[in-house]
Amino acid sequence: MIHELNGRVIKIIGTKYPRLRHLIRNHPYTKIVGIGVMKCLLDDMQMRPDEISDELLTEMIEKGIELYHEKEDEINELPVLEQKRKVLCKSLKQIATSHLETVAS
């Protein structure tokens, strides 16, 4: 299930940014934002992969990329990939929560 979720994340990024397709697995959008979104949803919010809609993934990836550019200097100063993802996860969790509340209403 996690491999399927990872594939969905890569597909969303590849569709939105087709010029990245040849290096997508090593691009910061995938390594930091994409995996950060997955870890936030799976680990922090305790969601199962089958509960995560494409709409939620798309919204979180788009907002995550915006956040990545806003906090790029702070993120690049951190040496460990996991720390870079955690910088984004705090904001991404708020986005996911508001999306889920909107869907529930």
N, C-alpha and C. Protein backbone atom coordinates (compact mmCIF):
# COMPACT_ATOMS: atom_id res chain seq x y z
N MET A 1 0.82 -1.20 0.00
CA MET A 1 0.00 0.00 0.00
C MET A 1 0.86 1.26 0.00
N ILE A 2 1.96 1.25 0.74
CA ILE A 2 2.81 2.43 0.81
C ILE A 2 3.47 2.66 -0.55
N HIS A 3 3.83 1.58 -1.25
CA HIS A 3 4.43 1.74 -2.58
C HIS A 3 3.42 2.36 -3.54
N GLU A 4 2.16 1.98 -3.40
CA GLU A 4 1.11 2.56 -4.24
C GLU A 4 0.96 4.06 -3.94
N LEU A 5 1.00 4.41 -2.66
CA LEU A 5 0.89 5.81 -2.26
C LEU A 5 2.09 6.60 -2.79
N ASN A 6 3.27 6.02 -2.70
CA ASN A 6 4.47 6.66 -3.23
C ASN A 6 4.34 6.87 -4.74
N GLY A 7 3.81 5.89 -5.43
CA GLY A 7 3.58 6.02 -6.87
C GLY A 7 2.60 7.12 -7.20
N ARG A 8 1.56 7.26 -6.38
CA ARG A 8 0.58 8.34 -6.59
C ARG A 8 1.22 9.70 -6.39
N VAL A 9 2.08 9.82 -5.37
CA VAL A 9 2.77 11.08 -5.11
C VAL A 9 3.67 11.44 -6.29
N ILE A 10 4.43 10.48 -6.77
CA ILE A 10 5.33 10.72 -7.91
C ILE A 10 4.54 11.08 -9.16
N LYS A 11 3.42 10.43 -9.37
CA LYS A 11 2.58 10.72 -10.53
C LYS A 11 2.04 12.16 -10.47
N ILE A 12 1.61 12.59 -9.29
CA ILE A 12 1.09 13.96 -9.14
C ILE A 12 2.19 14.98 -9.42
N ILE A 13 3.37 14.76 -8.88
CA ILE A 13 4.48 15.68 -9.10
C ILE A 13 4.89 15.65 -10.57
N GLY A 14 4.98 14.47 -11.16
CA GLY A 14 5.37 14.34 -12.56
C GLY A 14 4.37 14.96 -13.53
N THR A 15 3.08 14.91 -13.17
CA THR A 15 2.05 15.51 -14.01
C THR A 15 2.11 17.04 -13.93
N LYS A 16 2.32 17.54 -12.73
CA LYS A 16 2.36 18.99 -12.53
C LYS A 16 3.66 19.59 -13.07
N TYR A 17 4.75 18.86 -12.98
CA TYR A 17 6.06 19.34 -13.43
C TYR A 17 6.68 18.33 -14.39
N PRO A 18 6.19 18.28 -15.63
CA PRO A 18 6.67 17.25 -16.58
C PRO A 18 8.17 17.34 -16.90
N ARG A 19 8.75 18.51 -16.75
CA ARG A 19 10.18 18.64 -17.07
C ARG A 19 11.07 17.91 -16.06
N LEU A 20 10.50 17.52 -14.92
CA LEU A 20 11.26 16.82 -13.88
C LEU A 20 11.23 15.31 -14.03
N ARG A 21 10.49 14.79 -14.96
CA ARG A 21 10.25 13.35 -15.02
C ARG A 21 11.52 12.51 -15.05
N HIS A 22 12.55 12.96 -15.76
CA HIS A 22 13.75 12.14 -15.87
C HIS A 22 14.58 12.11 -14.57
N LEU A 23 14.35 13.05 -13.66
CA LEU A 23 15.10 13.05 -12.41
C LEU A 23 14.18 13.13 -11.19
N ILE A 24 12.95 12.73 -11.36
CA ILE A 24 11.93 12.96 -10.34
C ILE A 24 12.23 12.29 -9.00
N ARG A 25 12.80 11.11 -9.01
CA ARG A 25 13.03 10.40 -7.75
C ARG A 25 14.10 11.07 -6.89
N ASN A 26 14.98 11.83 -7.48
CA ASN A 26 16.04 12.50 -6.73
C ASN A 26 15.82 13.99 -6.56
N HIS A 27 14.72 14.50 -7.05
CA HIS A 27 14.43 15.94 -6.95
C HIS A 27 13.92 16.27 -5.55
N PRO A 28 14.24 17.46 -5.01
CA PRO A 28 13.74 17.84 -3.68
C PRO A 28 12.23 17.82 -3.56
N TYR A 29 11.52 18.07 -4.65
CA TYR A 29 10.05 18.02 -4.60
C TYR A 29 9.58 16.63 -4.17
N THR A 30 10.29 15.60 -4.62
CA THR A 30 9.92 14.24 -4.26
C THR A 30 10.55 13.83 -2.94
N LYS A 31 11.86 14.06 -2.80
CA LYS A 31 12.58 13.59 -1.61
C LYS A 31 12.18 14.31 -0.34
N ILE A 32 11.87 15.60 -0.45
CA ILE A 32 11.52 16.36 0.75
C ILE A 32 10.02 16.56 0.85
N VAL A 33 9.41 17.13 -0.19
CA VAL A 33 7.98 17.45 -0.13
C VAL A 33 7.13 16.18 -0.22
N GLY A 34 7.34 15.38 -1.24
CA GLY A 34 6.51 14.19 -1.46
C GLY A 34 6.58 13.20 -0.31
N ILE A 35 7.77 12.85 0.10
CA ILE A 35 7.93 11.91 1.21
C ILE A 35 7.48 12.57 2.51
N GLY A 36 7.71 13.88 2.65
CA GLY A 36 7.23 14.61 3.83
C GLY A 36 5.72 14.55 3.95
N VAL A 37 5.02 14.70 2.83
CA VAL A 37 3.56 14.61 2.82
C VAL A 37 3.13 13.20 3.25
N MET A 38 3.76 12.19 2.71
CA MET A 38 3.41 10.82 3.06
C MET A 38 3.64 10.54 4.54
N LYS A 39 4.80 10.93 5.05
CA LYS A 39 5.11 10.68 6.46
C LYS A 39 4.17 11.44 7.37
N CYS A 40 3.82 12.66 6.98
CA CYS A 40 2.89 13.46 7.79
C CYS A 40 1.53 12.77 7.88
N LEU A 41 1.03 12.32 6.75
CA LEU A 41 -0.28 11.67 6.73
C LEU A 41 -0.26 10.31 7.42
N LEU A 42 0.76 9.51 7.15
CA LEU A 42 0.80 8.15 7.68
C LEU A 42 1.24 8.10 9.14
N ASP A 43 2.31 8.81 9.47
CA ASP A 43 2.88 8.71 10.81
C ASP A 43 2.23 9.67 11.80
N ASP A 44 2.18 10.95 11.44
CA ASP A 44 1.67 11.95 12.37
C ASP A 44 0.16 11.94 12.50
N MET A 45 -0.54 11.76 11.38
CA MET A 45 -2.00 11.80 11.41
C MET A 45 -2.63 10.41 11.48
N GLN A 46 -1.78 9.38 11.45
CA GLN A 46 -2.22 7.98 11.59
C GLN A 46 -3.29 7.59 10.57
N MET A 47 -3.15 8.06 9.33
CA MET A 47 -4.09 7.67 8.27
C MET A 47 -3.56 6.43 7.58
N ARG A 48 -4.46 5.66 7.02
CA ARG A 48 -4.08 4.50 6.21
C ARG A 48 -4.01 4.96 4.75
N PRO A 49 -3.16 4.32 3.94
CA PRO A 49 -3.03 4.73 2.54
C PRO A 49 -4.35 4.75 1.77
N ASP A 50 -5.27 3.81 2.08
CA ASP A 50 -6.53 3.78 1.35
C ASP A 50 -7.49 4.89 1.78
N GLU A 51 -7.20 5.57 2.88
CA GLU A 51 -8.03 6.69 3.33
C GLU A 51 -7.62 8.02 2.69
N ILE A 52 -6.47 8.03 2.05
CA ILE A 52 -5.91 9.28 1.51
C ILE A 52 -6.39 9.47 0.07
N SER A 53 -7.15 10.53 -0.16
CA SER A 53 -7.68 10.79 -1.50
C SER A 53 -6.63 11.50 -2.36
N ASP A 54 -6.81 11.37 -3.68
CA ASP A 54 -5.92 12.07 -4.61
C ASP A 54 -6.05 13.59 -4.45
N GLU A 55 -7.25 14.05 -4.13
CA GLU A 55 -7.45 15.50 -3.92
C GLU A 55 -6.61 16.00 -2.76
N LEU A 56 -6.61 15.26 -1.66
CA LEU A 56 -5.83 15.63 -0.49
C LEU A 56 -4.34 15.61 -0.82
N LEU A 57 -3.90 14.56 -1.48
CA LEU A 57 -2.48 14.46 -1.87
C LEU A 57 -2.08 15.63 -2.76
N THR A 58 -2.91 15.92 -3.76
CA THR A 58 -2.59 16.99 -4.69
C THR A 58 -2.50 18.33 -3.96
N GLU A 59 -3.48 18.61 -3.12
CA GLU A 59 -3.48 19.87 -2.38
C GLU A 59 -2.25 19.98 -1.47
N MET A 60 -1.94 18.90 -0.78
CA MET A 60 -0.80 18.94 0.14
C MET A 60 0.53 19.06 -0.60
N ILE A 61 0.65 18.41 -1.74
CA ILE A 61 1.88 18.52 -2.52
C ILE A 61 2.05 19.94 -3.06
N GLU A 62 0.96 20.52 -3.59
CA GLU A 62 1.04 21.89 -4.11
C GLU A 62 1.42 22.87 -3.01
N LYS A 63 0.75 22.76 -1.86
CA LYS A 63 1.07 23.65 -0.73
C LYS A 63 2.46 23.35 -0.18
N GLY A 64 2.84 22.08 -0.19
CA GLY A 64 4.17 21.70 0.28
C GLY A 64 5.27 22.29 -0.58
N ILE A 65 5.06 22.33 -1.89
CA ILE A 65 6.05 22.92 -2.79
C ILE A 65 6.15 24.42 -2.54
N GLU A 66 4.99 25.07 -2.33
CA GLU A 66 5.00 26.50 -1.99
C GLU A 66 5.77 26.73 -0.69
N LEU A 67 5.49 25.92 0.32
CA LEU A 67 6.19 26.03 1.61
C LEU A 67 7.68 25.77 1.45
N TYR A 68 8.01 24.80 0.60
CA TYR A 68 9.42 24.49 0.36
C TYR A 68 10.15 25.72 -0.16
N HIS A 69 9.53 26.45 -1.09
CA HIS A 69 10.17 27.64 -1.64
C HIS A 69 10.23 28.77 -0.61
N GLU A 70 9.20 28.89 0.23
CA GLU A 70 9.19 29.91 1.27
C GLU A 70 10.29 29.66 2.30
N LYS A 71 10.51 28.40 2.65
CA LYS A 71 11.45 28.04 3.71
C LYS A 71 12.72 27.39 3.17
N GLU A 72 13.03 27.64 1.91
CA GLU A 72 14.14 26.95 1.26
C GLU A 72 15.47 27.19 1.96
N ASP A 73 15.73 28.42 2.39
CA ASP A 73 17.00 28.70 3.07
C ASP A 73 17.11 27.92 4.38
N GLU A 74 16.03 27.92 5.15
CA GLU A 74 16.01 27.19 6.42
C GLU A 74 16.18 25.69 6.17
N ILE A 75 15.51 25.17 5.16
CA ILE A 75 15.58 23.75 4.85
C ILE A 75 16.97 23.35 4.39
N ASN A 76 17.58 24.17 3.54
CA ASN A 76 18.91 23.84 3.02
C ASN A 76 20.00 23.88 4.08
N GLU A 77 19.77 24.61 5.18
CA GLU A 77 20.75 24.65 6.26
C GLU A 77 20.77 23.36 7.08
N LEU A 78 19.66 22.63 7.06
CA LEU A 78 19.57 21.39 7.85
C LEU A 78 20.31 20.26 7.13
N PRO A 79 21.13 19.51 7.87
CA PRO A 79 21.93 18.46 7.23
C PRO A 79 21.19 17.15 6.98
N VAL A 80 20.18 16.85 7.77
CA VAL A 80 19.52 15.54 7.70
C VAL A 80 18.18 15.67 6.97
N LEU A 81 17.95 14.77 6.03
CA LEU A 81 16.75 14.79 5.21
C LEU A 81 15.48 14.74 6.06
N GLU A 82 15.48 13.94 7.10
CA GLU A 82 14.31 13.81 7.96
C GLU A 82 13.98 15.13 8.65
N GLN A 83 14.98 15.89 9.04
CA GLN A 83 14.75 17.20 9.67
C GLN A 83 14.14 18.17 8.66
N LYS A 84 14.57 18.08 7.42
CA LYS A 84 14.02 18.94 6.36
C LYS A 84 12.54 18.67 6.18
N ARG A 85 12.16 17.40 6.23
CA ARG A 85 10.75 17.04 6.07
C ARG A 85 9.91 17.52 7.25
N LYS A 86 10.48 17.48 8.45
CA LYS A 86 9.74 17.91 9.64
C LYS A 86 9.44 19.40 9.62
N VAL A 87 10.30 20.19 8.99
CA VAL A 87 10.04 21.63 8.87
C VAL A 87 8.73 21.85 8.13
N LEU A 88 8.49 21.07 7.10
CA LEU A 88 7.27 21.20 6.31
C LEU A 88 6.07 20.53 6.98
N CYS A 89 6.30 19.49 7.74
CA CYS A 89 5.20 18.68 8.26
C CYS A 89 4.27 19.45 9.18
N LYS A 90 4.80 20.37 9.97
CA LYS A 90 3.95 21.15 10.87
C LYS A 90 2.87 21.90 10.10
N SER A 91 3.28 22.56 9.03
CA SER A 91 2.32 23.31 8.21
C SER A 91 1.43 22.38 7.40
N LEU A 92 2.00 21.29 6.91
CA LEU A 92 1.22 20.34 6.11
C LEU A 92 0.11 19.69 6.93
N LYS A 93 0.37 19.46 8.20
CA LYS A 93 -0.64 18.85 9.06
C LYS A 93 -1.86 19.78 9.18
N GLN A 94 -1.64 21.08 9.26
CA GLN A 94 -2.74 22.05 9.33
C GLN A 94 -3.54 22.03 8.03
N ILE A 95 -2.86 21.93 6.90
CA ILE A 95 -3.53 21.88 5.60
C ILE A 95 -4.39 20.63 5.51
N ALA A 96 -3.85 19.49 5.92
CA ALA A 96 -4.60 18.23 5.88
C ALA A 96 -5.81 18.28 6.79
N THR A 97 -5.64 18.82 7.98
CA THR A 97 -6.75 18.91 8.93
C THR A 97 -7.87 19.77 8.38
N SER A 98 -7.53 20.93 7.81
CA SER A 98 -8.57 21.80 7.25
C SER A 98 -9.24 21.16 6.05
N HIS A 99 -8.49 20.43 5.23
CA HIS A 99 -9.08 19.73 4.07
C HIS A 99 -10.08 18.66 4.55
N LEU A 100 -9.68 17.89 5.54
CA LEU A 100 -10.55 16.83 6.05
C LEU A 100 -11.80 17.40 6.70
N GLU A 101 -11.67 18.53 7.38
CA GLU A 101 -12.85 19.19 7.97
C GLU A 101 -13.81 19.69 6.90
N THR A 102 -13.25 20.24 5.83
CA THR A 102 -14.06 20.73 4.71
C THR A 102 -14.80 19.58 4.04
N VAL A 103 -14.14 18.47 3.83
CA VAL A 103 -14.76 17.30 3.20
C VAL A 103 -15.86 16.73 4.09
N ALA A 104 -15.61 16.73 5.40
CA ALA A 104 -16.58 16.18 6.34
C ALA A 104 -17.86 17.02 6.43
N SER A 105 -17.75 18.31 6.16
CA SER A 105 -18.92 19.20 6.28
C SER A 105 -19.91 19.03 5.14
